[in-house]
Amino acid sequence: MSKPNNKRVSATLATATCALLGATPSAPVHAQELDKWDFDTALLYYGEDGDRVTDASLSLLATRKLVDDRSLTLGLSVDALTGATPNGALQQSVAQTFTHPSGNSAFTVPAGELPLDDAFRDTRVALSAKWQQPLGRLYTLSVGGDVSNEYDYTHLGVNAGLSRDFNQRNTTLSAGLAYSSDEFDPVGGTPAAFSPMLDVGDLSNRTGAETKDVLDVVLGISQVINRNTVVQLNYSYSNTEGYQTDPYRVLSVIDGSSGDPLARTPAPGVEGPSHVFRFESRPDTRTKHSLYTLAKRYFGGKVLDVSYRYMTDDWEIDSHTLDMHLRWPIGARQYLEPHVRFYTQSAADFYTVSLVDGQALPAFASNDYRLGDFDAVTAGLKFGFKMRGDHDASLRLELYQQRGTISSAQLVGNQVGQVAYPDLDAVIAQFSYSF
């Protein structure tokens, strides 16, 4: 591997800094590469243990390179999700019956098993487009948009970024802005906050579609330290206004002494929940701040990539992410890239195990394990190889493990020794091909 060119690395990182959350940067373009298309494709499989969520996705990114360092990038991705996901109710020593989110049928979870909603099925189609071009000699502008649709969710977004090179293009300052508007139309309608789960066919606690708006701002700086080292620092601000509750999640209502869920009897001749469950409620505003730093170092033919991210929000969630890649060449056309990622977060201030019967309802409450106190580790290996005609391919296999804790102060009576955080193990496999 040849040593990196300072200007090329700086320009690449400047583009990456301008790209907003989830946006994929395009590589620098040279005038002689007129009307050239580059394609990046990927097929990914994600599968959780215990017959939980499975995701098979196909993505395509096409970049048209034009004169004067201009480029057009078009993206398409399709995801097919199936499986079962925790619905928020407590695991119990007795069987539990729930009404499906649609309100049209019921299902029973055997004693001792984690309540999972096995009706989880969805297909997501997403389209994106981005235009990038220089403004004068030292500025680069990018504008883009994206749209995605699921069975119950529609997303529309736009974004723009501007970067400016300094110090013989070894330093780049950048700023980005993104705005999205989303509509959520849950199966069976949107349940009212803290309303009880009702019998099959009773949708009296449901309303229509809900919306939310998201504003993201990114400010960044990248710096070429020397021929072998590049660093980057980003600050991100995100503000979400609107509906952020998961309409498919509930909380168990328990006896304040025993900690056991309250039993319930459905109406005569009608299927319905066997216990008292209430739908969750989350704040309709959320503000997040994050700092992200990245360092890339070339040494002895290998490239080490280390990044760290700190995020905090007004839901009292603080998270830390450490991510490391090491690209290790094998001969002239192949490489291995081990990867490890550590993640930890604190629980949201409204995260709770259950609701106690007879106590006043809180302003907000959720038993979504993703809002709890947990640690996660991702570890894996990628094998890449260059083919004829500058075609590249890679295979990636990773394992994901998530473990959480629940404060003893939240446990009541028999919940001690019974209630457990729904731990998660998953496998990730991906094949990528670029040409």
Protein backbone atom coordinates (compact mmCIF):
# COMPACT_ATOMS: atom_id res chain seq x y z
CA MET A 1 0.00 0.00 0.00
CA SER A 2 1.35 3.44 -0.93
CA LYS A 3 1.42 6.24 1.57
CA PRO A 4 -1.68 8.45 1.55
CA ASN A 5 -1.66 11.72 -0.32
CA ASN A 6 -2.32 14.58 2.12
CA LYS A 7 -4.67 16.49 -0.16
CA ARG A 8 -6.62 13.43 -1.15
CA VAL A 9 -7.12 12.32 2.46
CA SER A 10 -8.07 15.82 3.55
CA ALA A 11 -10.63 16.21 0.80
CA THR A 12 -12.14 12.81 1.55
CA LEU A 13 -12.55 13.60 5.23
CA ALA A 14 -14.00 17.00 4.44
CA THR A 15 -16.69 15.35 2.37
CA ALA A 16 -17.36 12.81 5.12
CA THR A 17 -17.65 15.57 7.71
CA CYS A 18 -20.24 17.42 5.63
CA ALA A 19 -22.34 14.30 5.18
CA LEU A 20 -25.19 14.35 7.69
CA LEU A 21 -26.45 11.53 9.85
CA GLY A 22 -26.74 8.45 7.71
CA ALA A 23 -25.61 10.18 4.51
CA THR A 24 -22.93 8.41 2.49
CA PRO A 25 -20.09 10.57 1.17
CA SER A 26 -18.88 10.32 -2.37
CA ALA A 27 -15.20 10.23 -3.19
CA PRO A 28 -13.35 13.24 -4.66
CA VAL A 29 -13.76 13.54 -8.42
CA HIS A 30 -11.23 14.58 -11.04
CA ALA A 31 -12.07 16.39 -14.26
CA GLN A 32 -10.73 13.61 -16.47
CA GLU A 33 -13.30 11.18 -14.99
CA LEU A 34 -16.09 12.51 -17.19
CA ASP A 35 -19.47 10.78 -17.11
CA LYS A 36 -18.24 7.84 -15.06
CA TRP A 37 -20.54 5.79 -12.85
CA ASP A 38 -19.31 4.00 -9.74
CA PHE A 39 -21.53 1.45 -8.00
CA ASP A 40 -21.46 0.15 -4.43
CA THR A 41 -23.77 -2.73 -3.57
CA ALA A 42 -24.31 -4.62 -0.33
CA LEU A 43 -26.41 -7.53 0.86
CA LEU A 44 -26.79 -7.67 4.65
CA TYR A 45 -28.32 -10.19 7.04
CA TYR A 46 -29.07 -9.38 10.68
CA GLY A 47 -30.56 -12.01 12.95
CA GLU A 48 -31.36 -11.96 16.66
CA ASP A 49 -31.40 -15.08 18.79
CA GLY A 50 -34.56 -16.57 20.25
CA ASP A 51 -36.58 -16.19 17.02
CA ARG A 52 -36.53 -12.43 17.41
CA VAL A 53 -36.02 -9.83 14.67
CA THR A 54 -34.45 -10.83 11.36
CA ASP A 55 -33.52 -8.25 8.72
CA ALA A 56 -32.42 -8.96 5.15
CA SER A 57 -31.47 -5.83 3.23
CA LEU A 58 -30.14 -4.94 -0.19
CA SER A 59 -28.58 -1.55 -0.91
CA LEU A 60 -27.23 0.14 -4.03
CA LEU A 61 -25.28 3.40 -4.23
CA ALA A 62 -24.53 4.86 -7.67
CA THR A 63 -22.23 7.87 -8.12
CA ARG A 64 -21.99 9.74 -11.42
CA LYS A 65 -18.70 11.61 -11.71
CA LEU A 66 -18.78 14.77 -13.83
CA VAL A 67 -16.34 17.49 -14.83
CA ASP A 68 -15.08 20.13 -12.38
CA ASP A 69 -15.30 17.79 -9.37
CA ARG A 70 -19.09 17.61 -9.53
CA SER A 71 -20.93 14.41 -8.70
CA LEU A 72 -24.43 12.98 -8.36
CA THR A 73 -25.08 10.13 -5.92
CA LEU A 74 -28.26 8.05 -5.98
CA GLY A 75 -29.14 5.44 -3.37
CA LEU A 76 -31.69 2.65 -3.05
CA SER A 77 -32.17 0.23 -0.17
CA VAL A 78 -34.80 -2.41 0.55
CA ASP A 79 -35.22 -4.08 3.96
CA ALA A 80 -37.41 -7.04 4.80
CA LEU A 81 -37.97 -7.49 8.55
CA THR A 82 -39.65 -10.42 10.25
CA GLY A 83 -39.67 -12.07 13.67
CA ALA A 84 -40.78 -11.18 17.16
CA THR A 85 -39.91 -8.24 19.39
CA PRO A 86 -40.46 -7.66 23.15
CA ASN A 87 -43.72 -5.78 23.76
CA GLY A 88 -42.68 -4.36 27.16
CA ALA A 89 -44.76 -6.62 29.41
CA LEU A 90 -43.08 -8.57 32.22
CA GLN A 91 -42.05 -12.21 31.99
CA GLN A 92 -44.25 -14.17 34.42
CA SER A 93 -44.65 -17.62 35.96
CA VAL A 94 -48.13 -17.86 34.43
CA ALA A 95 -49.31 -17.73 30.82
CA GLN A 96 -50.27 -14.28 29.52
CA THR A 97 -52.65 -13.34 26.71
CA PHE A 98 -52.35 -10.12 24.69
CA THR A 99 -54.39 -8.41 22.00
CA HIS A 100 -52.41 -7.88 18.79
CA PRO A 101 -51.65 -4.23 17.89
CA SER A 102 -54.20 -4.43 15.07
CA GLY A 103 -56.90 -5.21 17.64
CA ASN A 104 -58.18 -8.02 15.43
CA SER A 105 -56.81 -11.06 17.28
CA ALA A 106 -55.06 -12.25 20.43
CA PHE A 107 -51.99 -14.35 21.22
CA THR A 108 -50.78 -16.19 24.32
CA VAL A 109 -47.26 -16.31 25.75
CA PRO A 110 -46.45 -19.46 27.76
CA ALA A 111 -45.44 -19.21 31.41
CA GLY A 112 -41.81 -18.29 32.00
CA GLU A 113 -41.25 -16.82 28.52
CA LEU A 114 -40.48 -13.23 27.57
CA PRO A 115 -43.61 -11.66 26.00
CA LEU A 116 -42.83 -11.19 22.31
CA ASP A 117 -45.11 -9.77 19.64
CA ASP A 118 -44.75 -12.36 16.88
CA ALA A 119 -46.72 -10.30 14.33
CA PHE A 120 -43.71 -8.14 13.44
CA ARG A 121 -43.54 -7.93 9.63
CA ASP A 122 -42.40 -4.99 7.56
CA THR A 123 -40.75 -3.98 4.30
CA ARG A 124 -38.86 -0.72 4.02
CA VAL A 125 -37.91 0.99 0.76
CA ALA A 126 -35.63 4.02 0.86
CA LEU A 127 -34.42 6.37 -1.90
CA SER A 128 -31.77 9.09 -1.60
CA ALA A 129 -30.03 11.60 -3.85
CA LYS A 130 -27.13 13.98 -3.32
CA TRP A 131 -25.47 16.59 -5.53
CA GLN A 132 -21.95 17.81 -4.75
CA GLN A 133 -19.85 20.49 -6.41
CA PRO A 134 -17.09 23.01 -5.68
CA LEU A 135 -17.89 26.66 -5.02
CA GLY A 136 -14.78 28.49 -6.10
CA ARG A 137 -11.39 27.02 -5.29
CA LEU A 138 -11.74 26.20 -1.57
CA TYR A 139 -15.45 25.59 -0.92
CA THR A 140 -17.50 22.44 -1.53
CA LEU A 141 -21.30 22.36 -1.45
CA SER A 142 -23.57 19.33 -1.16
CA VAL A 143 -27.37 19.14 -1.18
CA GLY A 144 -29.57 16.09 -0.97
CA GLY A 145 -32.82 14.48 -0.03
CA ASP A 146 -34.21 11.11 0.98
CA VAL A 147 -37.52 9.37 1.29
CA SER A 148 -38.47 6.04 2.83
CA ASN A 149 -41.68 4.14 3.33
CA GLU A 150 -42.72 1.28 5.59
CA TYR A 151 -46.11 -0.28 6.23
CA ASP A 152 -46.83 2.20 9.00
CA TYR A 153 -44.14 4.87 8.59
CA THR A 154 -43.19 7.49 5.99
CA HIS A 155 -40.03 9.61 6.09
CA LEU A 156 -39.13 12.69 4.02
CA GLY A 157 -35.81 14.49 4.49
CA VAL A 158 -33.53 17.13 2.98
CA ASN A 159 -29.94 18.04 3.83
CA ALA A 160 -27.16 20.43 2.83
CA GLY A 161 -23.48 20.75 3.68
CA LEU A 162 -20.70 23.27 3.09
CA SER A 163 -16.96 22.80 3.64
CA ARG A 164 -13.99 25.15 3.36
CA ASP A 165 -10.33 24.16 3.00
CA PHE A 166 -7.48 25.99 4.71
CA ASN A 167 -3.76 25.54 5.26
CA GLN A 168 -2.96 24.20 1.78
CA ARG A 169 -6.02 21.93 2.04
CA ASN A 170 -4.67 20.21 5.15
CA THR A 171 -7.42 21.70 7.32
CA THR A 172 -11.13 21.58 6.51
CA LEU A 173 -14.00 23.25 8.33
CA SER A 174 -17.49 22.02 7.56
CA ALA A 175 -21.12 22.53 8.50
CA GLY A 176 -24.20 20.49 7.69
CA LEU A 177 -27.93 20.82 8.17
CA ALA A 178 -30.69 18.24 7.81
CA TYR A 179 -34.45 18.38 8.29
CA SER A 180 -36.94 15.54 8.14
CA SER A 181 -40.68 15.15 8.54
CA ASP A 182 -42.07 11.74 9.47
CA GLU A 183 -45.58 10.32 9.69
CA PHE A 184 -46.47 7.31 11.81
CA ASP A 185 -49.75 5.50 11.10
CA PRO A 186 -49.72 2.45 13.42
CA VAL A 187 -51.57 -0.75 12.66
CA GLY A 188 -54.99 -0.42 14.29
CA GLY A 189 -54.48 3.27 15.06
CA THR A 190 -52.47 5.19 17.65
CA PRO A 191 -53.36 4.20 21.22
CA ALA A 192 -53.87 7.01 23.73
CA ALA A 193 -51.04 7.39 26.24
CA PHE A 194 -51.46 5.00 29.21
CA SER A 195 -54.76 3.70 27.89
CA PRO A 196 -55.41 0.02 28.74
CA MET A 197 -55.04 -2.80 26.25
CA LEU A 198 -58.61 -3.72 25.27
CA ASP A 199 -60.42 -6.81 24.08
CA VAL A 200 -60.22 -7.97 20.48
CA GLY A 201 -62.31 -5.72 18.23
CA ASP A 202 -62.40 -2.78 20.66
CA LEU A 203 -60.47 0.18 19.20
CA SER A 204 -62.13 2.87 21.29
CA ASN A 205 -58.76 4.03 22.67
CA ARG A 206 -57.22 4.58 19.21
CA THR A 207 -56.73 7.76 17.16
CA GLY A 208 -55.25 8.52 13.74
CA ALA A 209 -51.74 9.10 12.39
CA GLU A 210 -49.07 11.08 14.27
CA THR A 211 -46.12 13.15 13.01
CA LYS A 212 -42.71 14.30 14.14
CA ASP A 213 -40.06 16.71 12.80
CA VAL A 214 -36.30 16.34 13.24
CA LEU A 215 -33.62 19.04 12.84
CA ASP A 216 -29.95 18.00 12.77
CA VAL A 217 -26.89 20.27 12.71
CA VAL A 218 -23.27 19.08 12.33
CA LEU A 219 -20.14 21.22 12.71
CA GLY A 220 -16.77 19.66 12.03
CA ILE A 221 -13.06 20.10 11.50
CA SER A 222 -10.57 17.68 9.94
CA GLN A 223 -6.81 18.03 10.05
CA VAL A 224 -3.97 16.27 8.25
CA ILE A 225 -1.30 15.91 10.95
CA ASN A 226 1.35 14.44 8.66
CA ARG A 227 1.61 12.06 5.73
CA ASN A 228 0.42 9.18 7.87
CA THR A 229 -2.14 10.67 10.28
CA VAL A 230 -5.50 12.39 9.89
CA VAL A 231 -7.85 13.46 12.70
CA GLN A 232 -11.43 14.72 12.73
CA LEU A 233 -13.76 16.28 15.32
CA ASN A 234 -17.52 16.79 14.94
CA TYR A 235 -20.21 18.34 17.11
CA SER A 236 -23.80 17.33 16.42
CA TYR A 237 -27.08 18.82 17.60
CA SER A 238 -30.43 17.12 17.08
CA ASN A 239 -33.90 18.29 18.03
CA THR A 240 -37.03 16.17 17.61
CA GLU A 241 -40.56 17.55 18.01
CA GLY A 242 -43.66 15.39 17.82
CA TYR A 243 -44.75 11.81 18.39
CA GLN A 244 -41.92 9.60 19.74
CA THR A 245 -43.87 6.95 21.65
CA ASP A 246 -43.76 3.35 20.45
CA PRO A 247 -47.48 2.55 19.91
CA TYR A 248 -46.82 -1.21 20.03
CA ARG A 249 -45.28 -1.28 23.52
CA VAL A 250 -47.09 -1.70 26.82
CA LEU A 251 -46.33 -1.83 30.53
CA SER A 252 -47.59 -4.40 33.02
CA VAL A 253 -49.74 -3.03 35.85
CA ILE A 254 -48.73 -4.78 39.08
CA ASP A 255 -49.96 -5.23 42.64
CA GLY A 256 -48.06 -2.84 44.88
CA SER A 257 -47.33 -5.53 47.50
CA SER A 258 -46.69 -8.77 45.61
CA GLY A 259 -45.32 -7.25 42.40
CA ASP A 260 -47.47 -9.65 40.36
CA PRO A 261 -49.43 -8.40 37.32
CA LEU A 262 -53.09 -7.70 37.91
CA ALA A 263 -55.32 -10.38 36.45
CA ARG A 264 -58.11 -9.35 34.09
CA THR A 265 -61.16 -11.14 32.70
CA PRO A 266 -62.17 -10.41 29.07
CA ALA A 267 -65.80 -9.69 28.23
CA PRO A 268 -67.95 -12.84 27.87
CA GLY A 269 -67.42 -14.57 24.54
CA VAL A 270 -64.59 -12.21 23.55
CA GLU A 271 -60.83 -12.77 23.41
CA GLY A 272 -58.70 -10.24 25.23
CA PRO A 273 -55.75 -9.65 27.55
CA SER A 274 -55.45 -11.86 30.59
CA HIS A 275 -53.84 -9.12 32.68
CA VAL A 276 -53.92 -5.34 32.92
CA PHE A 277 -51.53 -3.67 30.48
CA ARG A 278 -51.24 0.02 29.63
CA PHE A 279 -49.67 1.51 26.52
CA GLU A 280 -46.48 3.48 27.12
CA SER A 281 -45.94 7.25 26.83
CA ARG A 282 -42.82 9.24 25.93
CA PRO A 283 -42.08 12.98 25.76
CA ASP A 284 -42.89 14.72 22.49
CA THR A 285 -39.58 16.62 22.49
CA ARG A 286 -36.00 15.35 22.56
CA THR A 287 -32.74 17.28 22.24
CA LYS A 288 -29.43 15.48 21.75
CA HIS A 289 -25.83 16.73 21.77
CA SER A 290 -22.87 14.63 20.70
CA LEU A 291 -19.14 14.90 20.17
CA TYR A 292 -17.40 12.60 17.71
CA THR A 293 -13.67 12.27 17.18
CA LEU A 294 -11.82 10.11 14.65
CA ALA A 295 -8.14 9.33 14.04
CA LYS A 296 -6.70 7.43 11.07
CA ARG A 297 -3.11 6.26 11.16
CA TYR A 298 -1.08 4.55 8.41
CA PHE A 299 1.86 2.41 9.52
CA GLY A 300 3.76 -0.41 7.87
CA GLY A 301 1.12 -0.95 5.20
CA LYS A 302 -1.70 -1.13 7.75
CA VAL A 303 -4.37 1.48 8.55
CA LEU A 304 -5.76 1.92 12.06
CA ASP A 305 -9.10 3.71 12.39
CA VAL A 306 -10.23 4.66 15.93
CA SER A 307 -13.29 6.76 16.80
CA TYR A 308 -15.08 7.82 19.98
CA ARG A 309 -18.53 9.33 20.38
CA TYR A 310 -20.22 10.83 23.42
CA MET A 311 -23.94 11.59 23.35
CA THR A 312 -26.21 13.18 25.92
CA ASP A 313 -29.86 14.19 25.74
CA ASP A 314 -32.66 15.69 27.82
CA TRP A 315 -34.11 12.22 28.41
CA GLU A 316 -31.08 11.74 30.71
CA ILE A 317 -29.50 9.17 28.39
CA ASP A 318 -25.70 9.40 28.25
CA SER A 319 -23.83 7.09 25.91
CA HIS A 320 -20.23 6.32 25.01
CA THR A 321 -19.11 4.54 21.83
CA LEU A 322 -15.58 3.36 21.06
CA ASP A 323 -15.06 1.92 17.58
CA MET A 324 -11.84 0.43 16.16
CA HIS A 325 -10.90 -0.98 12.74
CA LEU A 326 -7.51 -2.26 11.61
CA ARG A 327 -7.00 -2.84 7.89
CA TRP A 328 -4.27 -5.42 7.42
CA PRO A 329 -3.14 -6.06 3.81
CA ILE A 330 -2.47 -9.60 2.63
CA GLY A 331 -0.39 -9.35 -0.50
CA ALA A 332 -1.25 -6.74 -3.11
CA ARG A 333 -4.96 -7.47 -3.62
CA GLN A 334 -6.42 -8.73 -0.34
CA TYR A 335 -6.84 -7.56 3.23
CA LEU A 336 -8.28 -8.50 6.60
CA GLU A 337 -10.04 -5.95 8.79
CA PRO A 338 -10.83 -6.90 12.40
CA HIS A 339 -13.41 -4.68 14.06
CA VAL A 340 -14.51 -4.16 17.65
CA ARG A 341 -17.05 -1.70 19.03
CA PHE A 342 -17.95 -0.97 22.65
CA TYR A 343 -21.12 0.86 23.60
CA THR A 344 -22.63 1.80 26.95
CA GLN A 345 -25.57 3.97 27.95
CA SER A 346 -27.53 5.08 31.00
CA ALA A 347 -31.30 4.69 31.23
CA ALA A 348 -33.83 7.34 30.27
CA ASP A 349 -35.33 9.12 33.27
CA PHE A 350 -38.78 7.66 32.46
CA TYR A 351 -37.58 4.08 31.91
CA THR A 352 -39.45 1.81 34.32
CA VAL A 353 -40.17 -1.88 34.76
CA SER A 354 -43.90 -1.61 35.42
CA LEU A 355 -46.75 0.54 36.71
CA VAL A 356 -48.08 0.07 40.24
CA ASP A 357 -51.84 -0.23 40.61
CA GLY A 358 -53.38 2.57 42.66
CA GLN A 359 -50.46 4.97 42.21
CA ALA A 360 -50.84 8.11 40.15
CA LEU A 361 -49.66 7.64 36.59
CA PRO A 362 -46.33 9.34 35.82
CA ALA A 363 -45.99 11.93 33.08
CA PHE A 364 -44.07 9.41 30.94
CA ALA A 365 -43.07 5.76 31.22
CA SER A 366 -41.61 3.06 28.99
CA ASN A 367 -40.18 -0.43 29.46
CA ASP A 368 -38.41 -0.38 26.09
CA TYR A 369 -35.08 -2.16 26.70
CA ARG A 370 -33.42 0.18 24.19
CA LEU A 371 -34.02 3.05 26.65
CA GLY A 372 -32.57 1.10 29.59
CA ASP A 373 -29.15 0.90 31.18
CA PHE A 374 -27.07 -1.51 29.06
CA ASP A 375 -23.67 -2.33 27.57
CA ALA A 376 -23.08 -3.75 24.11
CA VAL A 377 -20.12 -5.24 22.26
CA THR A 378 -19.75 -5.84 18.52
CA ALA A 379 -16.79 -7.88 17.27
CA GLY A 380 -16.07 -9.25 13.83
CA LEU A 381 -13.84 -9.60 10.82
CA LYS A 382 -14.01 -8.42 7.21
CA PHE A 383 -12.14 -10.01 4.32
CA GLY A 384 -11.71 -7.87 1.22
CA PHE A 385 -10.21 -8.52 -2.16
CA LYS A 386 -9.63 -6.62 -5.39
CA MET A 387 -10.78 -8.22 -8.61
CA ARG A 388 -10.06 -7.52 -12.26
CA GLY A 389 -11.15 -4.20 -13.70
CA ASP A 390 -10.84 -2.41 -10.34
CA HIS A 391 -13.79 -4.31 -8.94
CA ASP A 392 -13.76 -4.81 -5.16
CA ALA A 393 -15.59 -7.29 -2.97
CA SER A 394 -15.70 -7.99 0.75
CA LEU A 395 -17.27 -10.37 3.25
CA ARG A 396 -18.04 -9.28 6.82
CA LEU A 397 -19.17 -11.38 9.78
CA GLU A 398 -19.84 -9.87 13.21
CA LEU A 399 -21.42 -10.88 16.51
CA TYR A 400 -23.40 -8.45 18.67
CA GLN A 401 -24.07 -8.89 22.37
CA GLN A 402 -26.18 -6.62 24.59
CA ARG A 403 -26.53 -6.93 28.34
CA GLY A 404 -28.54 -4.64 30.62
CA THR A 405 -29.26 -4.04 34.27
CA ILE A 406 -32.38 -2.98 36.16
CA SER A 407 -32.14 -0.97 39.36
CA SER A 408 -33.32 -2.89 42.42
CA ALA A 409 -35.25 0.23 43.44
CA GLN A 410 -37.65 -0.46 40.55
CA LEU A 411 -38.43 -4.03 41.61
CA VAL A 412 -41.46 -4.77 43.80
CA GLY A 413 -42.19 -7.91 45.83
CA ASN A 414 -41.90 -11.08 43.72
CA GLN A 415 -40.22 -9.16 40.93
CA VAL A 416 -36.96 -9.51 42.84
CA GLY A 417 -35.19 -12.49 41.32
CA GLN A 418 -37.73 -12.78 38.48
CA VAL A 419 -37.60 -9.65 36.35
CA ALA A 420 -34.61 -9.58 34.04
CA TYR A 421 -33.45 -7.24 31.32
CA PRO A 422 -34.17 -8.86 27.91
CA ASP A 423 -30.56 -9.53 26.85
CA LEU A 424 -29.82 -9.80 23.16
CA ASP A 425 -27.39 -11.71 20.93
CA ALA A 426 -27.30 -11.22 17.17
CA VAL A 427 -25.24 -12.14 14.13
CA ILE A 428 -24.46 -9.75 11.26
CA ALA A 429 -23.26 -10.93 7.85
CA GLN A 430 -22.64 -8.72 4.82
CA PHE A 431 -21.38 -9.13 1.28
CA SER A 432 -20.32 -5.94 -0.53
CA TYR A 433 -19.36 -5.45 -4.16
CA SER A 434 -18.08 -2.26 -5.81
CA PHE A 435 -17.48 -1.66 -9.50
